[in-house]
Each structure stands twice: as C-alpha cells, then as structure tokens.
Amino acid sequence: DDLEKLKQLIHTILERIEKAATETSVAEDPDQNLIYLICDQEDREDVLPIRKLLKAKGYDVKIPLFLGTAAEVDAKKREMLTRCRVALVFYGKGDEGWKNAIDRDLMKSKGYRVDKPAFRQLTYLAPPATDEKKEMIALQEPGLIDGLEGLSGDALGMLFGFVQKA
C-alpha cells in the first residue's frame, strides 16, 4: 500500500515538474511567434496586408533591413534567421537570382540555429507570374502558397494553416 502511494506521489511530482518546465520554456522564448517575412525591397508595400493579418493573429512579423551597410544588413538577416519560428519568403517582384540568393541564405541559416529547432520555411508566390513560379506550382514544392491570383481567402487559409503547424 505504501509502495503504491510512493509511486503515485513520484508520478504527481514528475508531472508537475514537466508542466513547469514546459510553461517556463514557452515563457522564456520571446521568438516563438516570430515570423521573418523575407521580401524584395520592391515588394515592401505589397507585403503590408500579410503583415497586418499576421500581426492581428498575434504574430511578431519582421521584414529585412533594406537600408544600411552591407555588414548591418547581413547581421540583421542572420539574427532574424537565427531567431524566427517561420521564414516566409514573399516571391513577388524579385527575380530568379534574388530567389536563389534567398534559398542559399536559408540553407546556410541552419548552421546558425545551434540551440533552436529548425524554422518552418514557406514561400508565398505573388504576382507577376513567371515561368519559374508556374514550375514551382507544377512541381508542388513543399510549403508553397499560390498567391499569383492575388491575396485570396484560399491563399490566406493555406498561409495560416502552415504557420500554425510551425
């Protein structure tokens, strides 16, 4: 009888410790709702509706630093890629070279995240439609959100679905 009581007591204590550790880790991670919205400077105005919607849902949305020295811009990009929970690439007016540079940055960033889990990578395709964007849709790239027809309810639904899973 005493052994069963001891087992129950240990079980209860372990549950409390686990619960406290979970609550502490969530409270200590200020970046748990950080979304790094990567866009070309020419798309800055076009991402405003997405930024507003994500902020309204409680997310902290940051965009790249566009002004400053190359070192400052690179340091900010590295900081965001180290901290974010979701990296959302807004592929609008940027060309294939811009997208390839972003993809390289995202690949390198995995090495920056020593103490953190990997972030969720999403790509939002925005107008103008290009052959590369159409190919990405045809190949059903993972984490792809088709917004080529504009900011539709379907595209937003996919965006929120992907972000919530991250």
N, C-alpha and C. Protein backbone atom coordinates (compact mmCIF):
# COMPACT_ATOMS: atom_id res chain seq x y z
N ASP A 1 0.84 -1.20 0.00
CA ASP A 1 0.00 0.00 0.00
C ASP A 1 0.87 1.25 0.00
N ASP A 2 1.91 1.26 0.87
CA ASP A 2 2.81 2.41 0.94
C ASP A 2 3.60 2.57 -0.36
N LEU A 3 3.94 1.44 -0.99
CA LEU A 3 4.68 1.48 -2.24
C LEU A 3 3.83 2.13 -3.34
N GLU A 4 2.55 1.80 -3.38
CA GLU A 4 1.65 2.40 -4.37
C GLU A 4 1.50 3.90 -4.14
N LYS A 5 1.41 4.31 -2.88
CA LYS A 5 1.31 5.74 -2.56
C LYS A 5 2.58 6.46 -3.00
N LEU A 6 3.73 5.85 -2.78
CA LEU A 6 5.01 6.44 -3.17
C LEU A 6 5.08 6.59 -4.69
N LYS A 7 4.66 5.53 -5.42
CA LYS A 7 4.65 5.60 -6.88
C LYS A 7 3.75 6.74 -7.37
N GLN A 8 2.58 6.86 -6.77
CA GLN A 8 1.65 7.91 -7.15
C GLN A 8 2.23 9.29 -6.87
N LEU A 9 2.87 9.44 -5.72
CA LEU A 9 3.49 10.71 -5.34
C LEU A 9 4.60 11.09 -6.32
N ILE A 10 5.44 10.12 -6.67
CA ILE A 10 6.52 10.37 -7.63
C ILE A 10 5.94 10.76 -8.99
N HIS A 11 4.93 10.06 -9.41
CA HIS A 11 4.27 10.35 -10.68
C HIS A 11 3.70 11.77 -10.69
N THR A 12 3.05 12.17 -9.62
CA THR A 12 2.47 13.51 -9.50
C THR A 12 3.56 14.57 -9.54
N ILE A 13 4.65 14.35 -8.82
CA ILE A 13 5.76 15.30 -8.78
C ILE A 13 6.38 15.44 -10.17
N LEU A 14 6.59 14.32 -10.86
CA LEU A 14 7.17 14.37 -12.20
C LEU A 14 6.26 15.12 -13.17
N GLU A 15 4.96 14.93 -13.07
CA GLU A 15 4.02 15.67 -13.92
C GLU A 15 4.11 17.16 -13.67
N ARG A 16 4.20 17.55 -12.40
CA ARG A 16 4.31 18.98 -12.06
C ARG A 16 5.61 19.58 -12.59
N ILE A 17 6.70 18.82 -12.47
CA ILE A 17 7.99 19.31 -12.96
C ILE A 17 7.94 19.48 -14.47
N GLU A 18 7.38 18.49 -15.16
CA GLU A 18 7.27 18.56 -16.62
C GLU A 18 6.41 19.74 -17.05
N LYS A 19 5.29 19.94 -16.36
CA LYS A 19 4.39 21.05 -16.69
C LYS A 19 5.09 22.39 -16.45
N ALA A 20 5.80 22.52 -15.35
CA ALA A 20 6.52 23.76 -15.04
C ALA A 20 7.61 24.02 -16.06
N ALA A 21 8.32 22.98 -16.48
CA ALA A 21 9.38 23.14 -17.47
C ALA A 21 8.82 23.60 -18.80
N THR A 22 7.68 23.04 -19.21
CA THR A 22 7.03 23.43 -20.46
C THR A 22 6.59 24.89 -20.40
N GLU A 23 5.94 25.27 -19.31
CA GLU A 23 5.47 26.65 -19.17
C GLU A 23 6.64 27.62 -19.15
N THR A 24 7.73 27.25 -18.49
CA THR A 24 8.90 28.12 -18.42
C THR A 24 9.54 28.28 -19.80
N SER A 25 9.67 27.17 -20.54
CA SER A 25 10.31 27.27 -21.85
C SER A 25 9.49 28.12 -22.80
N VAL A 26 8.17 28.04 -22.75
CA VAL A 26 7.31 28.87 -23.60
C VAL A 26 7.45 30.33 -23.19
N ALA A 27 7.45 30.59 -21.89
CA ALA A 27 7.54 31.97 -21.41
C ALA A 27 8.91 32.56 -21.71
N GLU A 28 9.97 31.74 -21.70
CA GLU A 28 11.32 32.23 -21.92
C GLU A 28 11.65 32.41 -23.39
N ASP A 29 10.85 31.94 -24.32
CA ASP A 29 11.15 32.05 -25.73
C ASP A 29 10.33 33.18 -26.35
N PRO A 30 10.88 34.38 -26.36
CA PRO A 30 10.14 35.51 -26.92
C PRO A 30 9.98 35.41 -28.44
N ASP A 31 10.71 34.48 -29.07
CA ASP A 31 10.66 34.35 -30.51
C ASP A 31 9.67 33.30 -31.00
N GLN A 32 8.90 32.72 -30.10
CA GLN A 32 8.01 31.64 -30.50
C GLN A 32 6.97 32.08 -31.53
N ASN A 33 6.65 33.37 -31.59
CA ASN A 33 5.69 33.89 -32.56
C ASN A 33 6.34 34.76 -33.61
N LEU A 34 7.67 34.64 -33.78
CA LEU A 34 8.40 35.48 -34.73
C LEU A 34 8.35 34.89 -36.13
N ILE A 35 7.85 35.68 -37.05
CA ILE A 35 7.84 35.31 -38.47
C ILE A 35 8.74 36.30 -39.20
N TYR A 36 9.73 35.77 -39.89
CA TYR A 36 10.62 36.60 -40.71
C TYR A 36 10.07 36.58 -42.12
N LEU A 37 9.48 37.67 -42.53
CA LEU A 37 8.85 37.82 -43.85
C LEU A 37 9.89 38.39 -44.80
N ILE A 38 10.50 37.53 -45.58
CA ILE A 38 11.59 37.90 -46.48
C ILE A 38 10.99 38.37 -47.81
N CYS A 39 11.31 39.59 -48.17
CA CYS A 39 10.80 40.13 -49.43
C CYS A 39 11.85 41.02 -50.07
N ASP A 40 11.68 41.28 -51.34
CA ASP A 40 12.50 42.24 -52.06
C ASP A 40 12.03 43.64 -51.66
N GLN A 41 12.91 44.60 -51.71
CA GLN A 41 12.54 45.96 -51.32
C GLN A 41 11.37 46.48 -52.15
N GLU A 42 11.30 46.07 -53.41
CA GLU A 42 10.19 46.50 -54.29
C GLU A 42 8.85 45.92 -53.85
N ASP A 43 8.85 44.87 -53.04
CA ASP A 43 7.61 44.24 -52.56
C ASP A 43 7.17 44.76 -51.19
N ARG A 44 7.90 45.71 -50.65
CA ARG A 44 7.62 46.17 -49.28
C ARG A 44 6.16 46.59 -49.11
N GLU A 45 5.63 47.33 -50.04
CA GLU A 45 4.24 47.77 -49.95
C GLU A 45 3.27 46.60 -50.15
N ASP A 46 3.63 45.67 -51.02
CA ASP A 46 2.76 44.53 -51.31
C ASP A 46 2.62 43.57 -50.14
N VAL A 47 3.61 43.54 -49.23
CA VAL A 47 3.52 42.62 -48.09
C VAL A 47 2.75 43.22 -46.92
N LEU A 48 2.39 44.49 -46.99
CA LEU A 48 1.67 45.12 -45.89
C LEU A 48 0.40 44.38 -45.47
N PRO A 49 -0.46 43.97 -46.42
CA PRO A 49 -1.67 43.24 -46.00
C PRO A 49 -1.36 41.94 -45.24
N ILE A 50 -0.35 41.22 -45.68
CA ILE A 50 0.03 39.98 -45.00
C ILE A 50 0.58 40.30 -43.62
N ARG A 51 1.42 41.32 -43.52
CA ARG A 51 1.97 41.72 -42.22
C ARG A 51 0.85 42.08 -41.26
N LYS A 52 -0.12 42.86 -41.73
CA LYS A 52 -1.24 43.28 -40.87
C LYS A 52 -2.05 42.08 -40.40
N LEU A 53 -2.34 41.16 -41.32
CA LEU A 53 -3.13 39.97 -40.96
C LEU A 53 -2.40 39.09 -39.95
N LEU A 54 -1.12 38.88 -40.16
CA LEU A 54 -0.35 38.05 -39.23
C LEU A 54 -0.23 38.72 -37.87
N LYS A 55 -0.02 40.02 -37.86
CA LYS A 55 0.05 40.75 -36.58
C LYS A 55 -1.28 40.67 -35.85
N ALA A 56 -2.39 40.77 -36.59
CA ALA A 56 -3.71 40.67 -35.97
C ALA A 56 -3.93 39.29 -35.35
N LYS A 57 -3.24 38.28 -35.87
CA LYS A 57 -3.34 36.92 -35.32
C LYS A 57 -2.36 36.69 -34.17
N GLY A 58 -1.61 37.74 -33.80
CA GLY A 58 -0.72 37.64 -32.65
C GLY A 58 0.73 37.33 -32.98
N TYR A 59 1.10 37.34 -34.24
CA TYR A 59 2.48 37.05 -34.62
C TYR A 59 3.31 38.33 -34.67
N ASP A 60 4.59 38.18 -34.35
CA ASP A 60 5.55 39.27 -34.45
C ASP A 60 6.20 39.12 -35.82
N VAL A 61 5.93 40.04 -36.73
CA VAL A 61 6.39 39.92 -38.12
C VAL A 61 7.49 40.94 -38.37
N LYS A 62 8.62 40.45 -38.86
CA LYS A 62 9.76 41.30 -39.20
C LYS A 62 10.09 41.13 -40.67
N ILE A 63 10.51 42.23 -41.30
CA ILE A 63 10.96 42.17 -42.69
C ILE A 63 12.45 42.51 -42.71
N PRO A 64 13.12 42.27 -43.85
CA PRO A 64 14.55 42.54 -43.92
C PRO A 64 14.88 44.02 -43.74
N LEU A 65 16.10 44.25 -43.34
CA LEU A 65 16.64 45.60 -43.28
C LEU A 65 17.06 45.95 -44.70
N PHE A 66 16.56 47.06 -45.22
CA PHE A 66 16.88 47.45 -46.60
C PHE A 66 17.92 48.56 -46.67
N LEU A 67 18.03 49.35 -45.62
CA LEU A 67 18.99 50.46 -45.61
C LEU A 67 20.06 50.19 -44.58
N GLY A 68 21.28 50.55 -44.90
CA GLY A 68 22.41 50.34 -44.00
C GLY A 68 23.58 49.78 -44.78
N THR A 69 24.66 49.58 -44.08
CA THR A 69 25.83 48.99 -44.72
C THR A 69 25.56 47.52 -45.01
N ALA A 70 26.37 46.96 -45.88
CA ALA A 70 26.22 45.53 -46.20
C ALA A 70 26.37 44.69 -44.95
N ALA A 71 27.29 45.08 -44.08
CA ALA A 71 27.50 44.33 -42.83
C ALA A 71 26.28 44.41 -41.92
N GLU A 72 25.66 45.59 -41.84
CA GLU A 72 24.46 45.76 -41.00
C GLU A 72 23.29 44.94 -41.53
N VAL A 73 23.11 44.99 -42.85
CA VAL A 73 22.01 44.24 -43.48
C VAL A 73 22.22 42.74 -43.27
N ASP A 74 23.46 42.28 -43.46
CA ASP A 74 23.76 40.86 -43.30
C ASP A 74 23.59 40.42 -41.84
N ALA A 75 24.03 41.25 -40.90
CA ALA A 75 23.90 40.91 -39.48
C ALA A 75 22.43 40.80 -39.08
N LYS A 76 21.60 41.71 -39.56
CA LYS A 76 20.17 41.67 -39.24
C LYS A 76 19.52 40.43 -39.84
N LYS A 77 19.88 40.11 -41.08
CA LYS A 77 19.34 38.91 -41.73
C LYS A 77 19.73 37.66 -40.94
N ARG A 78 20.98 37.59 -40.53
CA ARG A 78 21.44 36.43 -39.77
C ARG A 78 20.71 36.33 -38.43
N GLU A 79 20.51 37.48 -37.76
CA GLU A 79 19.79 37.49 -36.49
C GLU A 79 18.37 36.96 -36.67
N MET A 80 17.68 37.44 -37.69
CA MET A 80 16.30 37.02 -37.92
C MET A 80 16.23 35.53 -38.25
N LEU A 81 17.16 35.05 -39.07
CA LEU A 81 17.16 33.64 -39.44
C LEU A 81 17.55 32.74 -38.27
N THR A 82 18.23 33.31 -37.30
CA THR A 82 18.58 32.56 -36.11
C THR A 82 17.40 32.50 -35.14
N ARG A 83 16.62 33.57 -35.08
CA ARG A 83 15.56 33.68 -34.08
C ARG A 83 14.18 33.20 -34.55
N CYS A 84 13.85 33.32 -35.82
CA CYS A 84 12.47 33.13 -36.28
C CYS A 84 11.96 31.71 -36.13
N ARG A 85 10.65 31.60 -36.01
CA ARG A 85 9.97 30.30 -35.98
C ARG A 85 9.54 29.92 -37.39
N VAL A 86 9.23 30.94 -38.19
CA VAL A 86 8.80 30.74 -39.58
C VAL A 86 9.56 31.73 -40.46
N ALA A 87 10.12 31.23 -41.56
CA ALA A 87 10.71 32.10 -42.58
C ALA A 87 9.75 32.06 -43.76
N LEU A 88 9.11 33.18 -44.01
CA LEU A 88 8.13 33.29 -45.09
C LEU A 88 8.73 34.12 -46.21
N VAL A 89 9.02 33.47 -47.33
CA VAL A 89 9.60 34.15 -48.49
C VAL A 89 8.45 34.64 -49.36
N PHE A 90 8.37 35.96 -49.54
CA PHE A 90 7.37 36.57 -50.41
C PHE A 90 8.04 36.75 -51.76
N TYR A 91 7.71 35.87 -52.70
CA TYR A 91 8.33 35.85 -54.02
C TYR A 91 7.41 36.58 -54.99
N GLY A 92 7.64 37.87 -55.09
CA GLY A 92 6.83 38.72 -55.96
C GLY A 92 7.67 39.32 -57.07
N LYS A 93 8.15 40.53 -56.85
CA LYS A 93 8.88 41.26 -57.89
C LYS A 93 10.34 40.86 -57.99
N GLY A 94 10.85 40.17 -57.01
CA GLY A 94 12.23 39.69 -57.09
C GLY A 94 12.38 38.69 -58.24
N ASP A 95 13.59 38.66 -58.84
CA ASP A 95 13.81 37.74 -59.97
C ASP A 95 14.39 36.42 -59.48
N GLU A 96 14.71 35.54 -60.43
CA GLU A 96 15.23 34.22 -60.08
C GLU A 96 16.55 34.32 -59.31
N GLY A 97 17.38 35.27 -59.67
CA GLY A 97 18.65 35.46 -58.96
C GLY A 97 18.41 35.83 -57.50
N TRP A 98 17.43 36.72 -57.26
CA TRP A 98 17.08 37.10 -55.88
C TRP A 98 16.60 35.87 -55.12
N LYS A 99 15.71 35.08 -55.73
CA LYS A 99 15.17 33.89 -55.06
C LYS A 99 16.27 32.88 -54.76
N ASN A 100 17.19 32.69 -55.70
CA ASN A 100 18.30 31.75 -55.46
C ASN A 100 19.19 32.22 -54.31
N ALA A 101 19.43 33.53 -54.22
CA ALA A 101 20.23 34.07 -53.11
C ALA A 101 19.51 33.83 -51.78
N ILE A 102 18.19 34.01 -51.75
CA ILE A 102 17.42 33.78 -50.53
C ILE A 102 17.48 32.30 -50.14
N ASP A 103 17.34 31.43 -51.13
CA ASP A 103 17.41 29.98 -50.86
C ASP A 103 18.78 29.61 -50.27
N ARG A 104 19.85 30.21 -50.77
CA ARG A 104 21.19 29.94 -50.21
C ARG A 104 21.28 30.43 -48.77
N ASP A 105 20.74 31.63 -48.52
CA ASP A 105 20.74 32.15 -47.15
C ASP A 105 19.99 31.22 -46.20
N LEU A 106 18.85 30.70 -46.66
CA LEU A 106 18.05 29.80 -45.82
C LEU A 106 18.79 28.50 -45.54
N MET A 107 19.50 28.01 -46.52
CA MET A 107 20.29 26.78 -46.32
C MET A 107 21.41 27.02 -45.31
N LYS A 108 22.12 28.13 -45.45
CA LYS A 108 23.22 28.45 -44.53
C LYS A 108 22.71 28.67 -43.11
N SER A 109 21.52 29.19 -42.99
CA SER A 109 21.00 29.58 -41.67
C SER A 109 20.81 28.39 -40.74
N LYS A 110 20.72 27.21 -41.28
CA LYS A 110 20.55 26.02 -40.43
C LYS A 110 21.74 25.87 -39.48
N GLY A 111 22.90 26.36 -39.89
CA GLY A 111 24.08 26.31 -39.03
C GLY A 111 24.07 27.35 -37.92
N TYR A 112 23.25 28.38 -38.06
CA TYR A 112 23.17 29.43 -37.04
C TYR A 112 22.34 29.00 -35.84
N ARG A 113 21.50 28.02 -36.00
CA ARG A 113 20.48 27.67 -35.01
C ARG A 113 20.93 26.53 -34.10
N VAL A 114 22.03 26.70 -33.45
CA VAL A 114 22.61 25.65 -32.62
C VAL A 114 21.66 25.23 -31.51
N ASP A 115 21.06 26.17 -30.79
CA ASP A 115 20.21 25.86 -29.64
C ASP A 115 18.72 25.84 -29.98
N LYS A 116 18.37 26.09 -31.22
CA LYS A 116 16.95 26.23 -31.56
C LYS A 116 16.54 25.18 -32.57
N PRO A 117 15.27 24.82 -32.55
CA PRO A 117 14.79 23.90 -33.58
C PRO A 117 14.75 24.60 -34.95
N ALA A 118 14.71 23.82 -35.99
CA ALA A 118 14.64 24.37 -37.34
C ALA A 118 13.36 25.20 -37.49
N PHE A 119 13.43 26.23 -38.31
CA PHE A 119 12.23 27.02 -38.57
C PHE A 119 11.45 26.40 -39.72
N ARG A 120 10.21 26.79 -39.81
CA ARG A 120 9.35 26.34 -40.92
C ARG A 120 9.58 27.30 -42.07
N GLN A 121 9.87 26.79 -43.26
CA GLN A 121 10.11 27.62 -44.43
C GLN A 121 8.91 27.56 -45.36
N LEU A 122 8.37 28.74 -45.67
CA LEU A 122 7.23 28.86 -46.57
C LEU A 122 7.57 29.82 -47.70
N THR A 123 6.95 29.61 -48.85
CA THR A 123 7.13 30.53 -49.97
C THR A 123 5.76 30.95 -50.47
N TYR A 124 5.53 32.26 -50.44
CA TYR A 124 4.29 32.84 -50.94
C TYR A 124 4.57 33.39 -52.33
N LEU A 125 3.93 32.80 -53.34
CA LEU A 125 4.09 33.27 -54.72
C LEU A 125 3.12 34.41 -54.98
N ALA A 126 3.66 35.55 -55.37
CA ALA A 126 2.85 36.73 -55.63
C ALA A 126 3.08 37.18 -57.08
N PRO A 127 2.14 37.95 -57.63
CA PRO A 127 2.34 38.46 -58.99
C PRO A 127 3.63 39.27 -59.09
N PRO A 128 4.25 39.28 -60.24
CA PRO A 128 3.80 38.76 -61.52
C PRO A 128 4.11 37.27 -61.68
N ALA A 129 3.28 36.60 -62.45
CA ALA A 129 3.50 35.18 -62.75
C ALA A 129 4.71 35.06 -63.67
N THR A 130 5.57 34.11 -63.36
CA THR A 130 6.75 33.84 -64.20
C THR A 130 6.79 32.35 -64.47
N ASP A 131 7.62 31.97 -65.42
CA ASP A 131 7.77 30.54 -65.73
C ASP A 131 8.27 29.78 -64.50
N GLU A 132 9.22 30.38 -63.76
CA GLU A 132 9.75 29.68 -62.58
C GLU A 132 8.65 29.47 -61.53
N LYS A 133 7.83 30.47 -61.30
CA LYS A 133 6.76 30.35 -60.31
C LYS A 133 5.75 29.29 -60.74
N LYS A 134 5.42 29.26 -62.02
CA LYS A 134 4.49 28.25 -62.53
C LYS A 134 5.08 26.85 -62.37
N GLU A 135 6.40 26.73 -62.59
CA GLU A 135 7.07 25.44 -62.40
C GLU A 135 7.04 25.01 -60.94
N MET A 136 7.22 25.95 -60.04
CA MET A 136 7.17 25.63 -58.61
C MET A 136 5.80 25.07 -58.24
N ILE A 137 4.75 25.65 -58.81
CA ILE A 137 3.39 25.15 -58.56
C ILE A 137 3.23 23.76 -59.16
N ALA A 138 3.67 23.59 -60.41
CA ALA A 138 3.53 22.30 -61.09
C ALA A 138 4.29 21.20 -60.35
N LEU A 139 5.44 21.54 -59.76
CA LEU A 139 6.25 20.56 -59.04
C LEU A 139 5.79 20.37 -57.60
N GLN A 140 4.77 21.12 -57.19
CA GLN A 140 4.19 21.03 -55.85
C GLN A 140 5.27 21.12 -54.76
N GLU A 141 6.06 22.18 -54.86
CA GLU A 141 7.11 22.41 -53.87
C GLU A 141 6.50 22.45 -52.48
N PRO A 142 7.20 21.91 -51.47
CA PRO A 142 6.65 21.93 -50.11
C PRO A 142 6.59 23.35 -49.55
N GLY A 143 5.58 23.62 -48.76
CA GLY A 143 5.43 24.92 -48.12
C GLY A 143 5.10 26.05 -49.08
N LEU A 144 4.54 25.71 -50.23
CA LEU A 144 4.25 26.70 -51.26
C LEU A 144 2.81 27.20 -51.13
N ILE A 145 2.66 28.52 -51.19
CA ILE A 145 1.35 29.15 -51.14
C ILE A 145 1.16 29.91 -52.43
N ASP A 146 0.16 29.53 -53.21
CA ASP A 146 -0.08 30.16 -54.51
C ASP A 146 -0.94 31.41 -54.33
N GLY A 147 -0.29 32.55 -54.42
CA GLY A 147 -0.99 33.83 -54.35
C GLY A 147 -0.89 34.58 -55.66
N LEU A 148 -0.64 33.87 -56.75
CA LEU A 148 -0.48 34.52 -58.05
C LEU A 148 -1.75 35.24 -58.51
N GLU A 149 -2.90 34.79 -58.03
CA GLU A 149 -4.16 35.45 -58.38
C GLU A 149 -4.50 36.57 -57.40
N GLY A 150 -3.60 36.86 -56.50
CA GLY A 150 -3.83 37.90 -55.50
C GLY A 150 -4.02 37.30 -54.12
N LEU A 151 -4.24 38.15 -53.17
CA LEU A 151 -4.38 37.74 -51.78
C LEU A 151 -5.79 37.22 -51.55
N SER A 152 -6.00 35.97 -51.93
CA SER A 152 -7.33 35.36 -51.84
C SER A 152 -7.53 34.68 -50.49
N GLY A 153 -8.76 34.34 -50.20
CA GLY A 153 -9.07 33.60 -48.98
C GLY A 153 -8.38 32.25 -48.94
N ASP A 154 -8.27 31.58 -50.10
CA ASP A 154 -7.60 30.28 -50.16
C ASP A 154 -6.12 30.42 -49.80
N ALA A 155 -5.47 31.43 -50.38
CA ALA A 155 -4.04 31.63 -50.10
C ALA A 155 -3.82 31.96 -48.63
N LEU A 156 -4.69 32.80 -48.08
CA LEU A 156 -4.56 33.14 -46.65
C LEU A 156 -4.82 31.94 -45.77
N GLY A 157 -5.81 31.13 -46.13
CA GLY A 157 -6.09 29.92 -45.37
C GLY A 157 -4.89 28.99 -45.34
N MET A 158 -4.24 28.82 -46.49
CA MET A 158 -3.03 27.99 -46.55
C MET A 158 -1.93 28.59 -45.70
N LEU A 159 -1.77 29.92 -45.77
CA LEU A 159 -0.73 30.59 -45.01
C LEU A 159 -0.93 30.35 -43.52
N PHE A 160 -2.14 30.61 -43.02
CA PHE A 160 -2.40 30.43 -41.60
C PHE A 160 -2.28 28.97 -41.19
N GLY A 161 -2.68 28.06 -42.06
CA GLY A 161 -2.55 26.63 -41.76
C GLY A 161 -1.09 26.24 -41.59
N PHE A 162 -0.23 26.70 -42.52
CA PHE A 162 1.19 26.39 -42.44
C PHE A 162 1.83 27.02 -41.21
N VAL A 163 1.49 28.28 -40.93
CA VAL A 163 2.09 29.00 -39.81
C VAL A 163 1.71 28.34 -38.49
N GLN A 164 0.46 27.93 -38.35
CA GLN A 164 0.01 27.32 -37.09
C GLN A 164 0.68 25.97 -36.85
N LYS A 165 1.05 25.26 -37.91
CA LYS A 165 1.72 23.97 -37.76
C LYS A 165 3.17 24.13 -37.33
N ALA A 166 3.73 25.30 -37.57
CA ALA A 166 5.16 25.52 -37.26
C ALA A 166 5.41 25.55 -35.77
